[in-house]
C-alpha atoms as a PDB file:
ATOM      1  CA  MET A   1      18.211  11.272   1.531  1.00  0.00           C
ATOM      2  CA  CYS A   2      14.613  10.124   1.614  1.00  0.00           C
ATOM      3  CA  VAL A   3      12.229  11.270  -1.102  1.00  0.00           C
ATOM      4  CA  PHE A   4       8.477  11.320  -0.524  1.00  0.00           C
ATOM      5  CA  VAL A   5       6.227  11.366  -3.585  1.00  0.00           C
ATOM      6  CA  LEU A   6       2.464  11.652  -3.441  1.00  0.00           C
ATOM      7  CA  SER A   7       0.073  11.181  -6.306  1.00  0.00           C
ATOM      8  CA  SER A   8      -3.650  10.863  -5.844  1.00  0.00           C
ATOM      9  CA  SER A   9      -6.643  10.689  -8.096  1.00  0.00           C
ATOM     10  CA  LYS A  10      -8.455  12.789  -5.512  1.00  0.00           C
ATOM     11  CA  SER A  11      -8.344  16.552  -5.790  1.00  0.00           C
ATOM     12  CA  GLU A  12      -7.409  16.859  -2.123  1.00  0.00           C
ATOM     13  CA  THR A  13      -4.432  18.540  -0.534  1.00  0.00           C
ATOM     14  CA  LEU A  14      -2.788  16.602   2.284  1.00  0.00           C
ATOM     15  CA  GLN A  15      -0.820  18.555   4.845  1.00  0.00           C
ATOM     16  CA  ALA A  16       2.262  16.897   6.269  1.00  0.00           C
ATOM     17  CA  ASN A  17       4.463  17.402   9.314  1.00  0.00           C
ATOM     18  CA  TRP A  18       8.152  16.487   9.230  1.00  0.00           C
ATOM     19  CA  GLU A  19       9.599  15.141  12.460  1.00  0.00           C
ATOM     20  CA  PRO A  20      13.364  15.731  12.126  1.00  0.00           C
ATOM     21  CA  PRO A  21      15.916  13.074  13.060  1.00  0.00           C
ATOM     22  CA  GLY A  22      16.712  12.978  16.741  1.00  0.00           C
ATOM     23  CA  ARG A  23      17.027   9.835  18.782  1.00  0.00           C
ATOM     24  CA  ASN A  24      14.979   8.127  16.064  1.00  0.00           C
ATOM     25  CA  PRO A  25      15.122   8.541  12.276  1.00  0.00           C
ATOM     26  CA  GLY A  26      13.111  11.392  10.790  1.00  0.00           C
ATOM     27  CA  ARG A  27       9.547  10.616   9.807  1.00  0.00           C
ATOM     28  CA  LEU A  28       6.827  12.325   7.822  1.00  0.00           C
ATOM     29  CA  PHE A  29       3.289  12.413   9.205  1.00  0.00           C
ATOM     30  CA  PHE A  30       0.269  13.220   7.056  1.00  0.00           C
ATOM     31  CA  ASN A  31      -2.735  15.028   8.519  1.00  0.00           C
ATOM     32  CA  LEU A  32      -5.525  12.803   7.220  1.00  0.00           C
ATOM     33  CA  PRO A  33      -9.185  13.590   7.835  1.00  0.00           C
ATOM     34  CA  PRO A  34     -10.270  11.858  11.094  1.00  0.00           C
ATOM     35  CA  GLU A  35     -12.714   9.597   9.266  1.00  0.00           C
ATOM     36  CA  THR A  36     -10.067   8.424   6.768  1.00  0.00           C
ATOM     37  CA  GLN A  37      -7.735   5.530   7.484  1.00  0.00           C
ATOM     38  CA  ALA A  38      -4.440   5.233   5.657  1.00  0.00           C
ATOM     39  CA  TRP A  39      -5.134   1.719   4.420  1.00  0.00           C
ATOM     40  CA  GLU A  40      -8.248   3.020   2.636  1.00  0.00           C
ATOM     41  CA  LEU A  41      -6.108   5.188   0.348  1.00  0.00           C
ATOM     42  CA  PRO A  42      -5.033   3.032  -2.634  1.00  0.00           C
ATOM     43  CA  TRP A  43      -1.928   5.077  -3.379  1.00  0.00           C
ATOM     44  CA  TRP A  44      -0.567   5.018   0.166  1.00  0.00           C
ATOM     45  CA  ARG A  45       1.819   2.054   0.063  1.00  0.00           C
ATOM     46  CA  MET A  46       2.722   2.546  -3.598  1.00  0.00           C
ATOM     47  CA  CYS A  47       3.590   6.234  -3.494  1.00  0.00           C
ATOM     48  CA  VAL A  48       5.030   6.893  -0.043  1.00  0.00           C
ATOM     49  CA  ARG A  49       8.363   5.389   0.860  1.00  0.00           C
ATOM     50  CA  VAL A  50       8.687   5.268   4.629  1.00  0.00           C
ATOM     51  CA  TRP A  51      12.062   5.820   6.232  1.00  0.00           C
ATOM     52  CA  ARG A  52      13.791   2.568   7.167  1.00  0.00           C
ATOM     53  CA  MET A  53      12.773   1.781  10.733  1.00  0.00           C
ATOM     54  CA  ARG A  54      14.006  -0.585  13.401  1.00  0.00           C
ATOM     55  CA  PHE A  55      11.462  -3.139  14.661  1.00  0.00           C
ATOM     56  CA  LEU A  56      11.657  -5.333  17.748  1.00  0.00           C
ATOM     57  CA  ILE A  57       9.115  -8.175  17.635  1.00  0.00           C
ATOM     58  CA  THR A  58       8.500 -10.906  20.190  1.00  0.00           C
ATOM     59  CA  ALA A  59       6.874 -14.216  19.280  1.00  0.00           C
ATOM     60  CA  GLY A  60       6.002 -17.703  20.410  1.00  0.00           C
ATOM     61  CA  PRO A  61       5.313 -19.137  23.864  1.00  0.00           C
ATOM     62  CA  THR A  62       7.593 -19.238  26.880  1.00  0.00           C
ATOM     63  CA  ARG A  63       8.382 -22.326  28.935  1.00  0.00           C
ATOM     64  CA  GLU A  64       8.548 -22.132  32.722  1.00  0.00           C
ATOM     65  CA  PRO A  65      10.437 -25.179  34.036  1.00  0.00           C
ATOM     66  CA  LEU A  66       9.060 -27.281  36.867  1.00  0.00           C
ATOM     67  CA  ASP A  67      11.688 -30.036  36.844  1.00  0.00           C
ATOM     68  CA  PRO A  68      14.135 -31.449  34.238  1.00  0.00           C
ATOM     69  CA  ALA A  69      11.252 -33.199  32.427  1.00  0.00           C
ATOM     70  CA  ARG A  70       8.320 -30.770  32.712  1.00  0.00           C
ATOM     71  CA  TYR A  71       7.418 -27.146  32.161  1.00  0.00           C
ATOM     72  CA  LEU A  72       4.398 -24.828  32.006  1.00  0.00           C
ATOM     73  CA  THR A  73       3.627 -23.370  28.585  1.00  0.00           C
ATOM     74  CA  ASN A  74       0.746 -22.540  26.218  1.00  0.00           C
ATOM     75  CA  ARG A  75      -0.483 -23.362  22.716  1.00  0.00           C
ATOM     76  CA  SER A  76       1.093 -20.427  20.859  1.00  0.00           C
ATOM     77  CA  SER A  77       2.725 -21.526  17.592  1.00  0.00           C
ATOM     78  CA  GLY A  78       4.568 -18.240  17.040  1.00  0.00           C
ATOM     79  CA  ARG A  79       3.164 -17.892  13.499  1.00  0.00           C
ATOM     80  CA  MET A  80       1.741 -14.398  13.999  1.00  0.00           C
ATOM     81  CA  GLY A  81       4.982 -12.978  15.342  1.00  0.00           C
ATOM     82  CA  TYR A  82       7.077 -14.623  12.631  1.00  0.00           C
ATOM     83  CA  ALA A  83       4.665 -13.332   9.974  1.00  0.00           C
ATOM     84  CA  LEU A  84       5.053  -9.818  11.377  1.00  0.00           C
ATOM     85  CA  ALA A  85       8.834 -10.098  11.314  1.00  0.00           C
ATOM     86  CA  GLY A  86       8.729 -11.279   7.698  1.00  0.00           C
ATOM     87  CA  ALA A  87       6.343  -8.505   6.659  1.00  0.00           C
ATOM     88  CA  ALA A  88       8.449  -5.781   8.272  1.00  0.00           C
ATOM     89  CA  ARG A  89      11.632  -7.127   6.676  1.00  0.00           C
ATOM     90  CA  HIS A  90       9.873  -7.399   3.296  1.00  0.00           C
ATOM     91  CA  ASP A  91       9.069  -3.682   3.559  1.00  0.00           C
ATOM     92  CA  GLY A  92      12.771  -2.924   3.988  1.00  0.00           C
ATOM     93  CA  HIS A  93      12.920  -2.398   7.733  1.00  0.00           C
ATOM     94  CA  GLU A  94      15.522  -3.665  10.186  1.00  0.00           C
ATOM     95  CA  VAL A  95      13.981  -6.405  12.323  1.00  0.00           C
ATOM     96  CA  LEU A  96      14.990  -8.172  15.529  1.00  0.00           C
ATOM     97  CA  LEU A  97      12.833 -11.180  16.424  1.00  0.00           C
ATOM     98  CA  ILE A  98      12.957 -12.422  20.019  1.00  0.00           C
ATOM     99  CA  SER A  99      11.212 -15.770  20.171  1.00  0.00           C
ATOM    100  CA  GLY A 100      10.342 -18.527  22.544  1.00  0.00           C
ATOM    101  CA  PRO A 101      10.472 -22.163  21.368  1.00  0.00           C
ATOM    102  CA  THR A 102       8.777 -22.817  18.009  1.00  0.00           C
ATOM    103  CA  THR A 103       9.253 -25.091  14.993  1.00  0.00           C
ATOM    104  CA  LEU A 104       9.259 -22.175  12.536  1.00  0.00           C
ATOM    105  CA  ASP A 105      12.058 -20.944  10.293  1.00  0.00           C
ATOM    106  CA  VAL A 106      13.333 -17.441  10.957  1.00  0.00           C
ATOM    107  CA  PRO A 107      12.381 -15.142   8.027  1.00  0.00           C
ATOM    108  CA  PRO A 108      15.354 -14.260   5.794  1.00  0.00           C
ATOM    109  CA  GLY A 109      17.238 -11.142   6.804  1.00  0.00           C
ATOM    110  CA  VAL A 110      15.759 -11.026  10.308  1.00  0.00           C
ATOM    111  CA  ASP A 111      18.051 -10.881  13.359  1.00  0.00           C
ATOM    112  CA  PHE A 112      17.094 -13.494  15.921  1.00  0.00           C
ATOM    113  CA  ILE A 113      17.374 -14.181  19.644  1.00  0.00           C
ATOM    114  CA  HIS A 114      16.067 -17.440  21.090  1.00  0.00           C
ATOM    115  CA  VAL A 115      14.753 -17.533  24.660  1.00  0.00           C
ATOM    116  CA  GLU A 116      12.947 -20.085  26.799  1.00  0.00           C
ATOM    117  CA  THR A 117      11.456 -18.365  29.841  1.00  0.00           C
ATOM    118  CA  ALA A 118       9.521 -15.174  30.505  1.00  0.00           C
ATOM    119  CA  GLN A 119      12.471 -13.802  32.479  1.00  0.00           C
ATOM    120  CA  GLN A 120      14.828 -14.433  29.563  1.00  0.00           C
ATOM    121  CA  MET A 121      12.449 -12.648  27.183  1.00  0.00           C
ATOM    122  CA  TYR A 122      12.111  -9.740  29.606  1.00  0.00           C
ATOM    123  CA  ASP A 123      15.891  -9.395  29.816  1.00  0.00           C
ATOM    124  CA  ALA A 124      16.366  -9.660  26.049  1.00  0.00           C
ATOM    125  CA  VAL A 125      13.730  -7.013  25.287  1.00  0.00           C
ATOM    126  CA  ARG A 126      15.172  -4.644  27.912  1.00  0.00           C
ATOM    127  CA  ASP A 127      18.703  -5.068  26.606  1.00  0.00           C
ATOM    128  CA  MET A 128      17.842  -4.658  22.898  1.00  0.00           C
ATOM    129  CA  LEU A 129      15.550  -1.596  22.987  1.00  0.00           C
ATOM    130  CA  ASP A 130      18.196   0.986  22.162  1.00  0.00           C
ATOM    131  CA  GLY A 131      17.404   2.594  18.801  1.00  0.00           C
ATOM    132  CA  VAL A 132      14.130   0.685  18.316  1.00  0.00           C
ATOM    133  CA  ASP A 133      11.382   2.689  16.574  1.00  0.00           C
ATOM    134  CA  VAL A 134       8.556   0.129  16.798  1.00  0.00           C
ATOM    135  CA  ALA A 135       8.067  -2.653  19.348  1.00  0.00           C
ATOM    136  CA  ILE A 136       5.408  -5.273  18.623  1.00  0.00           C
ATOM    137  CA  LEU A 137       5.012  -7.672  21.534  1.00  0.00           C
ATOM    138  CA  THR A 138       3.241 -10.680  20.066  1.00  0.00           C
ATOM    139  CA  ALA A 139       4.644 -13.413  22.305  1.00  0.00           C
ATOM    140  CA  ALA A 140       2.276 -15.380  24.534  1.00  0.00           C
ATOM    141  CA  VAL A 141       4.357 -14.951  27.664  1.00  0.00           C
ATOM    142  CA  ALA A 142       3.483 -17.099  30.675  1.00  0.00           C
ATOM    143  CA  ASP A 143       1.807 -15.057  33.425  1.00  0.00           C
ATOM    144  CA  TYR A 144       3.006 -17.398  36.183  1.00  0.00           C
ATOM    145  CA  ARG A 145       5.955 -19.687  36.864  1.00  0.00           C
ATOM    146  CA  PRO A 146       6.680 -22.309  39.546  1.00  0.00           C
ATOM    147  CA  VAL A 147       8.070 -20.795  42.730  1.00  0.00           C
ATOM    148  CA  ALA A 148      10.457 -23.713  43.162  1.00  0.00           C
ATOM    149  CA  TYR A 149      12.353 -25.708  40.544  1.00  0.00           C
ATOM    150  CA  SER A 150      13.115 -29.329  41.352  1.00  0.00           C
ATOM    151  CA  GLU A 151      16.578 -30.493  40.283  1.00  0.00           C
ATOM    152  CA  GLN A 152      15.210 -34.035  40.112  1.00  0.00           C
ATOM    153  CA  LYS A 153      12.119 -35.312  38.347  1.00  0.00           C
ATOM    154  CA  ILE A 154       9.104 -34.997  40.642  1.00  0.00           C
ATOM    155  CA  LYS A 155       7.673 -38.447  41.409  1.00  0.00           C
ATOM    156  CA  LYS A 156       4.021 -39.352  41.784  1.00  0.00           C
ATOM    157  CA  GLN A 157       2.937 -38.934  45.385  1.00  0.00           C
ATOM    158  CA  GLY A 158      -0.725 -39.483  46.128  1.00  0.00           C
ATOM    159  CA  GLU A 159      -3.836 -38.447  44.187  1.00  0.00           C
ATOM    160  CA  ARG A 160      -3.174 -34.700  44.105  1.00  0.00           C
ATOM    161  CA  MET A 161      -0.237 -32.337  43.837  1.00  0.00           C
ATOM    162  CA  VAL A 162      -0.380 -28.622  44.561  1.00  0.00           C
ATOM    163  CA  LEU A 163       1.903 -26.267  42.628  1.00  0.00           C
ATOM    164  CA  GLU A 164       2.800 -22.866  44.033  1.00  0.00           C
ATOM    165  CA  LEU A 165       3.162 -20.247  41.278  1.00  0.00           C
ATOM    166  CA  GLU A 166       4.385 -16.672  41.191  1.00  0.00           C
ATOM    167  CA  ARG A 167       3.942 -13.857  38.683  1.00  0.00           C
ATOM    168  CA  THR A 168       6.436 -13.484  35.852  1.00  0.00           C
ATOM    169  CA  PRO A 169       7.754 -10.013  34.932  1.00  0.00           C
ATOM    170  CA  ASP A 170       5.301  -7.960  32.852  1.00  0.00           C
ATOM    171  CA  ILE A 171       7.167  -7.129  29.636  1.00  0.00           C
ATOM    172  CA  LEU A 172       4.512  -5.001  27.942  1.00  0.00           C
ATOM    173  CA  GLY A 173       3.696  -3.217  31.196  1.00  0.00           C
ATOM    174  CA  SER A 174       7.372  -2.382  31.711  1.00  0.00           C
ATOM    175  CA  MET A 175       7.990  -0.870  28.288  1.00  0.00           C
ATOM    176  CA  ARG A 176       7.004   2.691  29.209  1.00  0.00           C
ATOM    177  CA  SER A 177       7.301   2.810  32.998  1.00  0.00           C
ATOM    178  CA  VAL A 178      10.465   0.754  33.566  1.00  0.00           C
ATOM    179  CA  PHE A 179      12.359   0.656  30.258  1.00  0.00           C
ATOM    180  CA  GLY A 180      11.413   4.207  29.249  1.00  0.00           C
ATOM    181  CA  PHE A 181      10.559   3.194  25.684  1.00  0.00           C
ATOM    182  CA  LYS A 182       9.429   6.221  23.631  1.00  0.00           C
ATOM    183  CA  GLY A 183       8.725   4.588  20.273  1.00  0.00           C
ATOM    184  CA  THR A 184       5.563   3.063  18.828  1.00  0.00           C
ATOM    185  CA  LEU A 185       4.282   0.333  21.137  1.00  0.00           C
ATOM    186  CA  ILE A 186       1.923  -2.395  19.918  1.00  0.00           C
ATOM    187  CA  GLY A 187       0.641  -5.180  22.138  1.00  0.00           C
ATOM    188  CA  PHE A 188      -1.502  -8.276  21.611  1.00  0.00           C
ATOM    189  CA  ALA A 189      -4.508  -9.437  23.615  1.00  0.00           C
ATOM    190  CA  ALA A 190      -5.332 -13.129  23.254  1.00  0.00           C
ATOM    191  CA  GLU A 191      -8.765 -13.461  24.846  1.00  0.00           C
ATOM    192  CA  THR A 192     -11.662 -15.907  25.041  1.00  0.00           C
ATOM    193  CA  GLN A 193     -14.433 -13.343  25.630  1.00  0.00           C
ATOM    194  CA  ASP A 194     -15.065  -9.572  25.392  1.00  0.00           C
ATOM    195  CA  VAL A 195     -12.035  -9.278  23.121  1.00  0.00           C
ATOM    196  CA  GLU A 196     -12.412  -5.605  22.234  1.00  0.00           C
ATOM    197  CA  SER A 197     -13.087  -4.554  25.829  1.00  0.00           C
ATOM    198  CA  TYR A 198     -10.096  -6.428  27.238  1.00  0.00           C
ATOM    199  CA  ALA A 199      -7.871  -5.150  24.441  1.00  0.00           C
ATOM    200  CA  ARG A 200      -8.861  -1.549  25.198  1.00  0.00           C
ATOM    201  CA  GLY A 201      -8.148  -2.079  28.874  1.00  0.00           C
ATOM    202  CA  LYS A 202      -4.672  -3.354  28.026  1.00  0.00           C
ATOM    203  CA  LEU A 203      -4.064  -0.420  25.668  1.00  0.00           C
ATOM    204  CA  GLU A 204      -4.890   2.081  28.419  1.00  0.00           C
ATOM    205  CA  ARG A 205      -3.128   0.341  31.305  1.00  0.00           C
ATOM    206  CA  LYS A 206       0.084  -0.319  29.426  1.00  0.00           C
ATOM    207  CA  GLN A 207       0.209   2.916  27.412  1.00  0.00           C
ATOM    208  CA  CYS A 208       0.188   1.234  24.010  1.00  0.00           C
ATOM    209  CA  ASP A 209      -0.408   2.990  20.699  1.00  0.00           C
ATOM    210  CA  MET A 210      -2.342  -0.025  19.398  1.00  0.00           C
ATOM    211  CA  VAL A 211      -3.456  -3.396  20.742  1.00  0.00           C
ATOM    212  CA  VAL A 212      -4.347  -6.301  18.468  1.00  0.00           C
ATOM    213  CA  GLY A 213      -7.085  -8.437  19.961  1.00  0.00           C
ATOM    214  CA  ASN A 214      -8.049 -11.938  18.871  1.00  0.00           C
ATOM    215  CA  ASP A 215     -10.316 -14.705  20.130  1.00  0.00           C
ATOM    216  CA  VAL A 216      -8.222 -17.746  21.023  1.00  0.00           C
ATOM    217  CA  SER A 217     -11.267 -19.808  21.989  1.00  0.00           C
ATOM    218  CA  ARG A 218     -12.049 -20.350  18.292  1.00  0.00           C
ATOM    219  CA  ARG A 219     -10.457 -23.423  16.736  1.00  0.00           C
ATOM    220  CA  ASP A 220     -10.273 -21.907  13.239  1.00  0.00           C
ATOM    221  CA  ILE A 221      -8.098 -18.890  14.131  1.00  0.00           C
ATOM    222  CA  GLY A 222      -5.393 -17.883  16.593  1.00  0.00           C
ATOM    223  CA  PHE A 223      -3.322 -20.532  18.338  1.00  0.00           C
ATOM    224  CA  ASP A 224      -2.210 -23.466  16.174  1.00  0.00           C
ATOM    225  CA  SER A 225      -3.859 -21.937  13.095  1.00  0.00           C
ATOM    226  CA  ARG A 226      -2.496 -20.433   9.894  1.00  0.00           C
ATOM    227  CA  GLU A 227      -5.313 -17.856   9.886  1.00  0.00           C
ATOM    228  CA  ASN A 228      -6.465 -15.121  12.205  1.00  0.00           C
ATOM    229  CA  GLU A 229      -9.242 -12.582  12.663  1.00  0.00           C
ATOM    230  CA  VAL A 230      -8.421  -9.551  14.769  1.00  0.00           C
ATOM    231  CA  VAL A 231      -9.596  -6.206  16.056  1.00  0.00           C
ATOM    232  CA  LEU A 232      -7.130  -3.310  16.031  1.00  0.00           C
ATOM    233  CA  VAL A 233      -7.803  -1.106  19.041  1.00  0.00           C
ATOM    234  CA  PHE A 234      -6.459   2.462  18.922  1.00  0.00           C
ATOM    235  CA  PRO A 235      -6.918   5.213  21.530  1.00  0.00           C
ATOM    236  CA  ASP A 236      -9.724   6.842  19.519  1.00  0.00           C
ATOM    237  CA  HIS A 237     -11.181   4.102  17.287  1.00  0.00           C
ATOM    238  CA  VAL A 238     -11.191   0.413  16.367  1.00  0.00           C
ATOM    239  CA  GLU A 239     -10.777  -1.473  13.105  1.00  0.00           C
ATOM    240  CA  TYR A 240     -11.775  -5.033  12.331  1.00  0.00           C
ATOM    241  CA  LEU A 241      -9.707  -7.253  10.053  1.00  0.00           C
ATOM    242  CA  GLU A 242     -11.702 -10.175   8.718  1.00  0.00           C
ATOM    243  CA  LYS A 243     -10.429 -13.735   8.761  1.00  0.00           C
ATOM    244  CA  ASP A 244      -7.338 -14.050   6.600  1.00  0.00           C
ATOM    245  CA  THR A 245      -3.915 -15.657   6.587  1.00  0.00           C
ATOM    246  CA  LYS A 246      -1.593 -14.488   9.315  1.00  0.00           C
ATOM    247  CA  GLU A 247       0.769 -13.226   6.613  1.00  0.00           C
ATOM    248  CA  HIS A 248      -1.913 -10.889   5.222  1.00  0.00           C
ATOM    249  CA  ILE A 249      -2.965  -9.781   8.701  1.00  0.00           C
ATOM    250  CA  ALA A 250       0.696  -9.040   9.435  1.00  0.00           C
ATOM    251  CA  MET A 251       0.978  -6.788   6.387  1.00  0.00           C
ATOM    252  CA  HIS A 252      -1.910  -4.637   7.645  1.00  0.00           C
ATOM    253  CA  ILE A 253      -0.406  -4.389  11.135  1.00  0.00           C
ATOM    254  CA  ILE A 254       3.031  -3.389   9.833  1.00  0.00           C
ATOM    255  CA  GLU A 255       1.387  -0.811   7.586  1.00  0.00           C
ATOM    256  CA  HIS A 256      -0.263   0.780  10.601  1.00  0.00           C
ATOM    257  CA  ALA A 257       2.902   0.503  12.697  1.00  0.00           C
ATOM    258  CA  THR A 258       4.858   2.672  10.261  1.00  0.00           C
ATOM    259  CA  ILE A 259       2.363   5.537  10.347  1.00  0.00           C
ATOM    260  CA  ILE A 260       1.300   5.614  14.003  1.00  0.00           C
ATOM    261  CA  ARG A 261       2.692   8.595  15.829  1.00  0.00           C
ATOM    262  CA  PRO A 262       3.903   7.499  19.290  1.00  0.00           C
ATOM    263  CA  LYS A 263       2.300   9.060  22.351  1.00  0.00           C
END
């Protein structure tokens, strides 16, 4: 049994719709005025207990091997994804974290799968989607990988070397069209310019319910930083979260994830 209790200092009546249990657990959706966001209501988190949900979260970079000594990767530390996993678990949800290589400790109570390459992350996400209510794809997955892997270390040969690369599988883009995922889908857009515009493009192309955009060209936030500053892009509006610790940013994102109604 799940009991929902509302108490508000406002003399408003909130209508609610109950979505009965089917493939996913039952959930209660409140019909808030369009101009009102849930996080603005001070009683929201304290007075509404959300049904326990199952989260799948990806984090960290991937490594695309070139030879036994070298690989292609990026500067992602994995902190944002790990903070999200910890926040969701803290709120009582079931969490699976699929992560590329990092130096971080897995949050207590979180199930964990370690991967190295984009293909391994693609396979793990595909195989673990059954029963997932919310998927948050935070990982900075490599867009390209070497076409050929050398079994021996590549030696220096001349002044230049040309690498031939090929596209890696698109995990976020496969969630709806290939994997048939019907739950809440949240993506991340790590950009260096026009963050909101690129995030909205990703939201529309990949059929997300929300995309979190951040500027990775700044040295004080994003990659290799303990803080972040993001824009939350929804189909019909945007919200800006000012610079804060990744743990606090994660709490806001998880809060939204539990109340978004999937497309």
